Amino acid sequence: MAEQIKKPVKITETVLRDAHQSLIATRMRTEQMLPIIEKMDKVGYHSVECWGGATFDASLRFLKEDPWERLRKIRDGFKNTKLQMLFRGQNILGYRHYADDVVEYFVQKSIANGMDIIRIFDCLNDIRNLECAVNAAKKEGGHAQVALSYTLGDAYTLEYWMDMAKKIEDMGAHSICIKDMAGLLLPYKATELVQALKDATTLPIQLHTHYTSGVASMTYLKAIEAGCDIVDTAMSPFALGTSQPATEVMVETFKGTPYDTGFDQNLLAEIADYFRPMRDEALESGLLNPRVLGVDIKTLLYQVPGGMLSNMVSQLKEMNASDKYYEVLKEIPNVRKDLGEPPLVTPSSQIVGTQAVLNVVMGERYKSVTKETRAVLSGEYGQTVKPFNEEVQKKAIGDKEPITCRPADLIENELAKIEAEIAPWKEQDEDVLTYALFPQVAKDFFEYRQAQKTKVDPKVADKENGAYPV
């Protein structure tokens, strides 16, 4: 038998970002991270994901921390390891499309403050919504990784994914990530997908998934055997459930094989020991709900992300319509088809789910249309993989002319206006970007920051306590 070529799998560690975002609503503080960084820096990770996603919003809103300060402190600690962030394309880390000058400035400042790899995705996989951020990352000397939002449906054939991979390579991105937020990618499908992407492109392939449906570790195994270069894992105290497979388990799985990471399990055990009391404390306080640690098989049965199902259950309960659960489940694929079959990831999952609930509860389809559904059908989010249902579109937006260009082409530069608005609070250049993304939350934080300096008690309260899906 021919000797296998040694190709160690690379690991991106998510404990400082997606792991705690998925399990404890992004509540890990910077001061909790800093003492363990020196040990984490010795592991040999491909990268450590530590910023982006919901961390920016949560730092300001709930932890009263400056996210830019967090990035600088983490950068100071990691001397040998690349830092990585998640970036929502033209949405940056916010919830609407921003002008190109804001996107470019955000990328510039992220890299200037120490970011190495920027993982950029779009909820519709609309390439046009990725271009600005990819070009900005390249211009600043950063690594631009494009993440494909993985989903199932008629349109999402292997040919579709291969075509997307070619476009990403042509765009000049440095690597591709399969972003399986809902945990829908099955092990043997992962073999097919990775092989197809490897046939289509020369770019490195990374795989990101969540343990929600229970198959993630097996999916990683098959993907790596098929040639996947990098996988995302989390240290065991913050692994599994709605988080990622455990780092130590993956390391041990490939020990002594051509994919051996070479990581030191004793060092990993010391790092796990550091995070374990945080997990125990979160369980005790209720911040970590044991329910998110189990397997949600409905995710695979209905091909709907777990978070979307729980949203739906609470919406139906509020409307005294819990008995309509299965009707809504049947309606979700219909609404998704009407809306051009988008991937079910934030925010499209919430938009489709809420509209399906309304369609069933109101007793008539699209009798009530949410403003977000209208925005999708108006082309405000970008182009979907399939055309919209014209009848539904007409009912929702009437004679309004839908947007067919890249949505950000219609947004004028915003930075100068924001600079003027923020003048009373500005202490660093980065404050302009903080305010651009979350004006009210940023203003509250800036006032809190000023109050801290004058030792006045701030009147800023933790207004809400929700988890952040991304």
Protein backbone atom coordinates (compact mmCIF):
# COMPACT_ATOMS: atom_id res chain seq x y z
CA MET A 1 0.00 0.00 0.00
CA ALA A 2 1.34 3.44 -0.94
CA GLU A 3 2.49 5.53 1.98
CA GLN A 4 0.11 8.36 2.84
CA ILE A 5 1.43 11.90 2.45
CA LYS A 6 1.80 13.58 5.82
CA LYS A 7 -0.57 16.54 5.94
CA PRO A 8 -1.25 17.72 9.49
CA VAL A 9 -4.68 19.24 9.90
CA LYS A 10 -4.64 22.85 11.08
CA ILE A 11 -6.86 24.05 13.93
CA THR A 12 -8.58 27.37 14.50
CA GLU A 13 -9.47 27.73 18.19
CA THR A 14 -12.88 29.38 18.86
CA VAL A 15 -12.98 29.50 22.69
CA LEU A 16 -12.38 33.26 22.75
CA ARG A 17 -15.22 34.01 20.28
CA ASP A 18 -17.74 31.61 18.79
CA ALA A 19 -17.64 29.06 21.61
CA HIS A 20 -18.73 31.51 24.31
CA GLN A 21 -20.99 33.32 21.85
CA SER A 22 -22.81 30.05 21.19
CA LEU A 23 -23.02 28.82 24.80
CA ILE A 24 -23.06 31.86 27.11
CA ALA A 25 -24.39 34.67 24.91
CA THR A 26 -20.94 36.21 24.30
CA ARG A 27 -20.43 37.11 27.95
CA MET A 28 -16.75 36.19 28.42
CA ARG A 29 -14.87 39.29 29.55
CA THR A 30 -11.47 40.42 28.30
CA GLU A 31 -10.00 40.08 31.81
CA GLN A 32 -11.08 36.42 31.81
CA MET A 33 -9.20 35.82 28.55
CA LEU A 34 -5.88 37.53 29.16
CA PRO A 35 -4.32 35.22 31.83
CA ILE A 36 -4.46 32.13 29.58
CA ILE A 37 -3.21 33.70 26.34
CA GLU A 38 0.47 32.94 26.99
CA LYS A 39 -0.31 29.20 27.22
CA MET A 40 -2.66 29.29 24.21
CA ASP A 41 0.10 30.98 22.21
CA LYS A 42 2.32 27.90 22.68
CA VAL A 43 -0.18 25.37 21.25
CA GLY A 44 0.58 25.89 17.56
CA TYR A 45 -2.90 26.85 16.40
CA HIS A 46 -3.37 27.95 12.79
CA SER A 47 -5.29 30.88 14.29
CA VAL A 48 -7.34 31.93 17.32
CA GLU A 49 -10.76 33.38 16.59
CA CYS A 50 -11.21 36.13 19.17
CA TRP A 51 -13.21 39.01 17.68
CA GLY A 52 -16.09 39.91 15.37
CA GLY A 53 -19.45 38.18 15.24
CA ALA A 54 -21.49 39.35 18.23
CA THR A 55 -18.48 40.18 20.44
CA PHE A 56 -18.47 43.81 19.36
CA ASP A 57 -22.12 44.47 20.25
CA ALA A 58 -22.01 42.37 23.44
CA SER A 59 -18.81 44.03 24.71
CA LEU A 60 -20.40 47.47 24.49
CA ARG A 61 -23.98 46.61 25.43
CA PHE A 62 -23.55 44.13 28.25
CA LEU A 63 -19.93 44.13 29.43
CA LYS A 64 -19.25 47.88 29.15
CA GLU A 65 -15.92 47.12 27.46
CA ASP A 66 -14.29 48.75 24.47
CA PRO A 67 -14.00 46.01 21.81
CA TRP A 68 -11.02 47.77 20.23
CA GLU A 69 -9.21 47.70 23.56
CA ARG A 70 -9.94 43.95 23.78
CA LEU A 71 -8.38 43.40 20.36
CA ARG A 72 -5.25 45.38 21.28
CA LYS A 73 -4.79 43.48 24.56
CA ILE A 74 -5.26 40.08 22.91
CA ARG A 75 -2.81 41.07 20.17
CA ASP A 76 -0.22 42.02 22.81
CA GLY A 77 -0.57 38.56 24.35
CA PHE A 78 -0.38 36.41 21.22
CA LYS A 79 3.20 36.74 19.99
CA ASN A 80 3.24 33.69 17.67
CA THR A 81 -0.40 33.01 16.73
CA LYS A 82 -2.56 34.61 14.05
CA LEU A 83 -5.78 36.30 15.20
CA GLN A 84 -9.03 35.79 13.32
CA MET A 85 -12.42 37.53 13.23
CA LEU A 86 -15.88 37.04 11.68
CA PHE A 87 -17.12 39.87 9.44
CA ARG A 88 -20.62 40.07 7.88
CA GLY A 89 -19.60 41.51 4.51
CA GLN A 90 -21.34 44.79 3.80
CA ASN A 91 -23.09 44.50 7.21
CA ILE A 92 -19.67 44.57 8.96
CA LEU A 93 -20.69 43.53 12.52
CA GLY A 94 -24.02 45.37 12.50
CA TYR A 95 -27.47 44.67 11.15
CA ARG A 96 -27.73 46.77 7.97
CA HIS A 97 -25.64 47.47 4.90
CA TYR A 98 -23.03 50.21 5.41
CA ALA A 99 -21.38 52.48 2.86
CA ASP A 100 -18.11 51.31 1.32
CA ASP A 101 -16.09 53.98 3.14
CA VAL A 102 -17.25 52.57 6.51
CA VAL A 103 -16.48 48.97 5.45
CA GLU A 104 -13.01 49.96 4.21
CA TYR A 105 -12.20 51.97 7.33
CA PHE A 106 -13.38 49.17 9.62
CA VAL A 107 -11.15 46.64 7.87
CA GLN A 108 -8.23 49.08 7.95
CA LYS A 109 -8.60 49.69 11.69
CA SER A 110 -9.13 45.98 12.47
CA ILE A 111 -5.84 45.08 10.80
CA ALA A 112 -4.03 48.12 12.28
CA ASN A 113 -5.12 46.96 15.76
CA GLY A 114 -3.76 43.46 15.23
CA MET A 115 -6.20 41.34 13.22
CA ASP A 116 -4.61 38.88 10.76
CA ILE A 117 -7.41 36.83 9.16
CA ILE A 118 -10.82 38.30 8.32
CA ARG A 119 -13.52 35.70 7.61
CA ILE A 120 -16.10 37.46 5.45
CA PHE A 121 -19.58 36.09 4.72
CA ASP A 122 -22.94 37.21 3.35
CA CYS A 123 -26.27 35.72 4.45
CA LEU A 124 -27.37 35.29 0.81
CA ASN A 125 -23.95 34.22 -0.55
CA ASP A 126 -24.19 37.30 -2.79
CA ILE A 127 -20.61 37.75 -3.99
CA ARG A 128 -21.21 41.46 -4.58
CA ASN A 129 -21.71 42.00 -0.85
CA LEU A 130 -18.24 40.55 -0.14
CA GLU A 131 -16.11 42.41 -2.68
CA CYS A 132 -15.55 45.64 -0.75
CA ALA A 133 -14.38 43.88 2.43
CA VAL A 134 -12.18 41.39 0.53
CA ASN A 135 -10.47 44.17 -1.42
CA ALA A 136 -9.97 46.23 1.75
CA ALA A 137 -8.40 43.27 3.61
CA LYS A 138 -6.01 42.61 0.73
CA LYS A 139 -5.09 46.30 0.47
CA GLU A 140 -4.19 46.36 4.19
CA GLY A 141 -2.07 43.21 3.95
CA GLY A 142 -4.56 41.00 5.80
CA HIS A 143 -5.74 37.49 4.94
CA ALA A 144 -9.18 37.62 3.27
CA GLN A 145 -11.13 34.41 3.83
CA VAL A 146 -14.56 34.13 2.21
CA ALA A 147 -17.08 31.97 4.05
CA LEU A 148 -19.85 30.24 2.12
CA SER A 149 -23.07 30.07 4.15
CA TYR A 150 -23.83 26.35 3.85
CA THR A 151 -27.41 25.30 3.35
CA LEU A 152 -29.62 22.68 1.71
CA GLY A 153 -32.14 23.03 -1.09
CA ASP A 154 -32.70 22.42 -4.81
CA ALA A 155 -30.40 25.27 -5.82
CA TYR A 156 -27.47 24.20 -3.66
CA THR A 157 -25.89 21.52 -5.82
CA LEU A 158 -22.21 20.58 -5.88
CA GLU A 159 -22.02 22.58 -9.13
CA TYR A 160 -23.35 25.65 -7.26
CA TRP A 161 -20.67 25.36 -4.55
CA MET A 162 -17.92 24.74 -7.13
CA ASP A 163 -19.02 27.78 -9.12
CA MET A 164 -18.98 29.89 -5.93
CA ALA A 165 -15.47 28.64 -5.09
CA LYS A 166 -14.20 29.66 -8.55
CA LYS A 167 -15.73 33.12 -8.15
CA ILE A 168 -14.11 33.52 -4.74
CA GLU A 169 -10.73 32.54 -6.15
CA ASP A 170 -11.20 34.99 -9.05
CA MET A 171 -12.07 37.70 -6.53
CA GLY A 172 -8.60 37.28 -5.04
CA ALA A 173 -9.56 35.81 -1.66
CA HIS A 174 -6.84 33.84 0.12
CA SER A 175 -8.94 30.92 1.42
CA ILE A 176 -12.49 29.53 1.57
CA CYS A 177 -14.49 28.51 4.62
CA ILE A 178 -17.56 26.28 4.55
CA LYS A 179 -19.67 28.00 7.22
CA ASP A 180 -22.23 25.47 8.48
CA MET A 181 -23.94 27.51 11.15
CA ALA A 182 -26.91 25.19 11.55
CA GLY A 183 -24.95 21.94 11.74
CA LEU A 184 -26.62 20.57 8.59
CA LEU A 185 -23.51 19.16 6.85
CA LEU A 186 -23.51 15.37 7.19
CA PRO A 187 -20.27 13.34 7.22
CA TYR A 188 -20.45 11.75 3.76
CA LYS A 189 -21.86 14.94 2.23
CA ALA A 190 -18.77 16.68 3.68
CA THR A 191 -16.56 14.24 1.75
CA GLU A 192 -18.38 15.11 -1.50
CA LEU A 193 -18.35 18.86 -0.84
CA VAL A 194 -14.68 19.13 0.14
CA GLN A 195 -13.59 17.01 -2.83
CA ALA A 196 -15.72 19.16 -5.16
CA LEU A 197 -14.23 22.39 -3.79
CA LYS A 198 -10.73 20.96 -4.06
CA ASP A 199 -11.45 20.13 -7.72
CA ALA A 200 -12.75 23.65 -8.35
CA THR A 201 -10.06 25.74 -6.66
CA THR A 202 -6.48 25.75 -5.39
CA LEU A 203 -7.41 27.79 -2.29
CA PRO A 204 -7.11 26.25 1.22
CA ILE A 205 -10.46 24.96 2.51
CA GLN A 206 -11.56 25.49 6.13
CA LEU A 207 -14.67 23.98 7.74
CA HIS A 208 -16.73 25.61 10.47
CA THR A 209 -19.73 23.85 11.97
CA HIS A 210 -21.72 23.58 15.19
CA TYR A 211 -22.43 20.46 17.25
CA THR A 212 -26.17 21.26 17.47
CA SER A 213 -27.32 18.28 15.37
CA GLY A 214 -24.78 15.84 16.85
CA VAL A 215 -22.78 15.01 13.70
CA ALA A 216 -20.04 17.67 13.75
CA SER A 217 -17.07 15.54 14.88
CA MET A 218 -17.86 12.84 12.31
CA THR A 219 -18.26 15.53 9.66
CA TYR A 220 -14.80 16.91 10.53
CA LEU A 221 -13.28 13.43 10.30
CA LYS A 222 -14.65 12.81 6.80
CA ALA A 223 -13.87 16.35 5.63
CA ILE A 224 -10.23 16.08 6.76
CA GLU A 225 -9.84 12.69 5.08
CA ALA A 226 -11.20 14.35 1.89
CA GLY A 227 -8.54 17.06 2.03
CA CYS A 228 -9.99 19.81 4.25
CA ASP A 229 -7.03 21.90 5.44
CA ILE A 230 -8.34 23.59 8.61
CA VAL A 231 -11.19 22.99 11.08
CA ASP A 232 -12.67 25.15 13.83
CA THR A 233 -12.72 23.61 17.33
CA ALA A 234 -13.30 24.80 20.89
CA MET A 235 -11.54 23.88 24.14
CA SER A 236 -13.63 21.17 25.81
CA PRO A 237 -15.21 23.24 28.64
CA PHE A 238 -16.87 25.41 25.94
CA ALA A 239 -17.32 22.75 23.25
CA LEU A 240 -20.26 20.66 21.97
CA GLY A 241 -23.94 21.57 22.11
CA THR A 242 -24.44 24.71 20.03
CA SER A 243 -20.65 25.26 20.00
CA GLN A 244 -17.91 23.43 18.04
CA PRO A 245 -16.33 19.97 18.45
CA ALA A 246 -13.74 19.77 21.23
CA THR A 247 -10.15 20.69 20.37
CA GLU A 248 -8.58 17.95 22.52
CA VAL A 249 -10.81 15.24 20.98
CA MET A 250 -9.85 16.24 17.44
CA VAL A 251 -6.16 16.37 18.39
CA GLU A 252 -6.32 12.87 19.91
CA THR A 253 -8.37 11.51 16.97
CA PHE A 254 -5.61 12.35 14.50
CA LYS A 255 -2.66 11.42 16.72
CA GLY A 256 -0.31 9.03 14.94
CA THR A 257 -2.02 9.54 11.56
CA PRO A 258 -0.85 11.61 8.58
CA TYR A 259 -3.17 14.36 9.90
CA ASP A 260 -1.50 14.53 13.34
CA THR A 261 -1.59 18.13 14.65
CA GLY A 262 1.45 17.61 16.87
CA PHE A 263 -0.28 19.50 19.71
CA ASP A 264 0.72 18.75 23.31
CA GLN A 265 -2.27 17.26 25.18
CA ASN A 266 -0.74 18.22 28.55
CA LEU A 267 -0.66 21.85 27.50
CA LEU A 268 -4.25 21.61 26.21
CA ALA A 269 -5.27 20.04 29.54
CA GLU A 270 -3.83 23.04 31.41
CA ILE A 271 -5.79 25.40 29.14
CA ALA A 272 -8.98 23.36 29.67
CA ASP A 273 -8.43 23.48 33.45
CA TYR A 274 -8.34 27.28 33.20
CA PHE A 275 -11.70 27.50 31.40
CA ARG A 276 -13.54 24.78 33.40
CA PRO A 277 -14.39 26.95 36.44
CA MET A 278 -15.89 29.54 34.04
CA ARG A 279 -18.17 26.86 32.61
CA ASP A 280 -19.15 25.67 36.12
CA GLU A 281 -19.89 29.23 37.20
CA ALA A 282 -21.99 29.84 34.06
CA LEU A 283 -23.98 26.65 34.71
CA GLU A 284 -24.54 27.65 38.33
CA SER A 285 -25.69 31.19 37.48
CA GLY A 286 -27.96 30.00 34.66
CA LEU A 287 -25.96 31.86 32.02
CA LEU A 288 -25.16 28.46 30.48
CA ASN A 289 -28.46 26.67 29.95
CA PRO A 290 -27.97 22.86 29.98
CA ARG A 291 -30.45 22.65 27.08
CA VAL A 292 -27.90 24.14 24.65
CA LEU A 293 -25.44 21.37 25.54
CA GLY A 294 -27.55 18.55 24.10
CA VAL A 295 -28.27 17.36 20.57
CA ASP A 296 -31.21 18.92 18.73
CA ILE A 297 -32.09 16.27 16.14
CA LYS A 298 -34.93 18.45 14.82
CA THR A 299 -32.22 20.51 13.15
CA LEU A 300 -31.59 17.60 10.76
CA LEU A 301 -35.19 16.39 10.53
CA TYR A 302 -36.54 19.79 9.47
CA GLN A 303 -33.31 21.23 8.02
CA VAL A 304 -33.88 24.30 10.15
CA PRO A 305 -31.27 25.81 12.52
CA GLY A 306 -31.91 25.12 16.22
CA GLY A 307 -32.01 28.83 17.10
CA MET A 308 -34.65 29.43 14.47
CA LEU A 309 -36.84 26.65 15.91
CA SER A 310 -36.59 28.06 19.45
CA ASN A 311 -37.50 31.55 18.16
CA MET A 312 -40.51 30.06 16.43
CA VAL A 313 -41.66 28.22 19.56
CA SER A 314 -41.51 31.42 21.65
CA GLN A 315 -43.32 33.45 18.95
CA LEU A 316 -46.13 30.90 18.79
CA LYS A 317 -46.38 30.83 22.59
CA GLU A 318 -46.72 34.63 22.71
CA MET A 319 -49.52 34.44 20.14
CA ASN A 320 -51.28 31.60 22.03
CA ALA A 321 -50.79 29.46 18.93
CA SER A 322 -48.44 26.71 20.15
CA ASP A 323 -50.73 24.13 18.52
CA LYS A 324 -49.69 25.51 15.08
CA TYR A 325 -46.07 24.33 15.46
CA TYR A 326 -46.18 21.61 12.78
CA GLU A 327 -48.13 23.82 10.38
CA VAL A 328 -45.41 26.46 10.67
CA LEU A 329 -42.71 23.82 10.11
CA LYS A 330 -44.44 22.91 6.82
CA GLU A 331 -44.75 26.59 5.89
CA ILE A 332 -41.04 27.44 6.41
CA PRO A 333 -39.83 25.75 3.17
CA ASN A 334 -42.67 27.45 1.25
CA VAL A 335 -41.72 30.92 2.51
CA ARG A 336 -38.07 30.20 1.88
CA LYS A 337 -38.91 29.25 -1.73
CA ASP A 338 -40.99 32.43 -2.17
CA LEU A 339 -38.01 34.47 -0.96
CA GLY A 340 -35.55 32.96 -3.46
CA GLU A 341 -34.38 30.01 -1.32
CA PRO A 342 -31.81 31.90 0.81
CA PRO A 343 -29.50 30.07 3.23
CA LEU A 344 -31.11 29.95 6.68
CA VAL A 345 -28.53 31.92 8.64
CA THR A 346 -28.76 35.21 10.52
CA PRO A 347 -30.69 37.32 9.54
CA SER A 348 -32.49 35.36 6.78
CA SER A 349 -33.45 32.54 9.19
CA GLN A 350 -35.30 34.95 11.48
CA ILE A 351 -36.99 36.67 8.52
CA VAL A 352 -38.25 33.41 6.99
CA GLY A 353 -39.29 31.96 10.37
CA THR A 354 -41.25 35.03 11.48
CA GLN A 355 -43.03 35.29 8.13
CA ALA A 356 -43.97 31.59 8.26
CA VAL A 357 -45.46 32.10 11.75
CA LEU A 358 -47.51 35.08 10.52
CA ASN A 359 -48.70 33.20 7.42
CA VAL A 360 -50.07 30.37 9.56
CA VAL A 361 -51.44 32.37 12.51
CA MET A 362 -53.17 34.99 10.32
CA GLY A 363 -54.93 32.24 8.38
CA GLU A 364 -53.88 33.78 5.07
CA ARG A 365 -50.45 33.74 3.45
CA TYR A 366 -48.77 37.18 3.39
CA LYS A 367 -51.84 38.92 4.82
CA SER A 368 -49.31 40.53 7.14
CA VAL A 369 -45.79 41.07 5.75
CA THR A 370 -42.87 42.07 8.00
CA LYS A 371 -40.68 44.99 6.97
CA GLU A 372 -37.72 42.59 6.81
CA THR A 373 -39.59 40.32 4.34
CA ARG A 374 -40.36 43.42 2.27
CA ALA A 375 -36.67 44.37 2.37
CA VAL A 376 -35.64 40.93 1.05
CA LEU A 377 -38.25 41.08 -1.73
CA SER A 378 -37.14 44.64 -2.57
CA GLY A 379 -33.58 43.42 -3.12
CA GLU A 380 -32.22 45.39 -0.16
CA TYR A 381 -30.21 42.40 1.10
CA GLY A 382 -28.89 41.48 -2.34
CA GLN A 383 -29.50 38.75 -4.87
CA THR A 384 -30.87 35.34 -3.91
CA VAL A 385 -29.82 32.14 -5.63
CA LYS A 386 -33.30 31.68 -7.16
CA PRO A 387 -35.83 34.31 -8.33
CA PHE A 388 -38.54 35.53 -5.92
CA ASN A 389 -42.14 34.36 -6.25
CA GLU A 390 -43.45 37.25 -8.38
CA GLU A 391 -46.98 37.03 -6.96
CA VAL A 392 -45.70 37.26 -3.39
CA GLN A 393 -43.28 40.04 -4.32
CA LYS A 394 -46.13 42.05 -5.89
CA LYS A 395 -48.31 41.53 -2.80
CA ALA A 396 -45.49 42.65 -0.50
CA ILE A 397 -43.96 45.63 -2.35
CA GLY A 398 -46.63 46.59 -4.89
CA ASP A 399 -45.30 48.55 -7.85
CA LYS A 400 -42.06 49.50 -6.10
CA GLU A 401 -39.08 48.92 -8.40
CA PRO A 402 -36.85 46.27 -6.77
CA ILE A 403 -33.11 46.89 -6.40
CA THR A 404 -31.06 44.85 -8.85
CA CYS A 405 -27.65 46.47 -8.34
CA ARG A 406 -25.32 45.81 -5.39
CA PRO A 407 -27.34 47.37 -2.51
CA ALA A 408 -24.34 49.34 -1.18
CA ASP A 409 -24.05 51.16 -4.53
CA LEU A 410 -27.09 53.14 -3.38
CA ILE A 411 -25.54 54.17 -0.04
CA GLU A 412 -23.58 57.41 -0.02
CA ASN A 413 -20.35 57.70 1.97
CA GLU A 414 -21.15 57.98 5.66
CA LEU A 415 -17.89 58.59 7.54
CA ALA A 416 -17.83 62.41 7.41
CA LYS A 417 -21.38 62.66 8.79
CA ILE A 418 -20.60 60.16 11.56
CA GLU A 419 -17.38 62.03 12.45
CA ALA A 420 -19.43 65.19 12.99
CA GLU A 421 -22.04 63.43 15.15
CA ILE A 422 -19.51 61.72 17.39
CA ALA A 423 -17.30 64.77 18.05
CA PRO A 424 -18.39 65.27 21.72
CA TRP A 425 -17.40 61.70 22.69
CA LYS A 426 -14.47 60.84 20.43
CA GLU A 427 -11.34 59.68 22.27
CA GLN A 428 -9.81 57.50 19.54
CA ASP A 429 -10.27 57.09 15.78
CA GLU A 430 -11.97 53.74 16.32
CA ASP A 431 -14.84 55.39 18.23
CA VAL A 432 -16.18 56.60 14.87
CA LEU A 433 -16.64 53.00 13.76
CA THR A 434 -18.17 51.92 17.06
CA TYR A 435 -20.75 54.69 16.68
CA ALA A 436 -21.32 53.88 12.98
CA LEU A 437 -22.34 50.31 13.84
CA PHE A 438 -24.37 50.85 17.02
CA PRO A 439 -25.21 54.56 17.48
CA GLN A 440 -27.36 54.33 20.62
CA VAL A 441 -25.37 51.54 22.29
CA ALA A 442 -22.13 53.39 21.50
CA LYS A 443 -23.48 56.65 22.93
CA ASP A 444 -24.47 54.86 26.16
CA PHE A 445 -20.99 53.32 26.32
CA PHE A 446 -19.20 56.62 25.66
CA GLU A 447 -21.22 58.28 28.45
CA TYR A 448 -20.38 55.37 30.75
CA ARG A 449 -16.69 55.70 29.83
CA GLN A 450 -16.72 59.43 30.64
CA ALA A 451 -18.55 58.78 33.89
CA GLN A 452 -15.93 56.23 34.92
CA LYS A 453 -13.23 58.85 34.49
CA THR A 454 -15.05 61.32 36.70
CA LYS A 455 -16.09 58.55 39.12
CA VAL A 456 -19.78 59.30 38.59
CA ASP A 457 -22.06 56.30 38.80
CA PRO A 458 -23.28 55.53 35.27
CA LYS A 459 -26.98 55.09 34.65
CA VAL A 460 -26.34 52.47 32.00
CA ALA A 461 -28.19 49.23 32.69
CA ASP A 462 -28.00 45.79 31.12
CA LYS A 463 -31.21 46.21 29.14
CA GLU A 464 -31.51 42.77 27.63
CA ASN A 465 -30.09 39.33 28.00
CA GLY A 466 -30.37 37.45 24.70
CA ALA A 467 -28.09 35.02 22.89
CA TYR A 468 -26.45 36.00 19.64
CA PRO A 469 -26.72 33.60 16.73
CA VAL A 470 -24.09 33.92 14.02
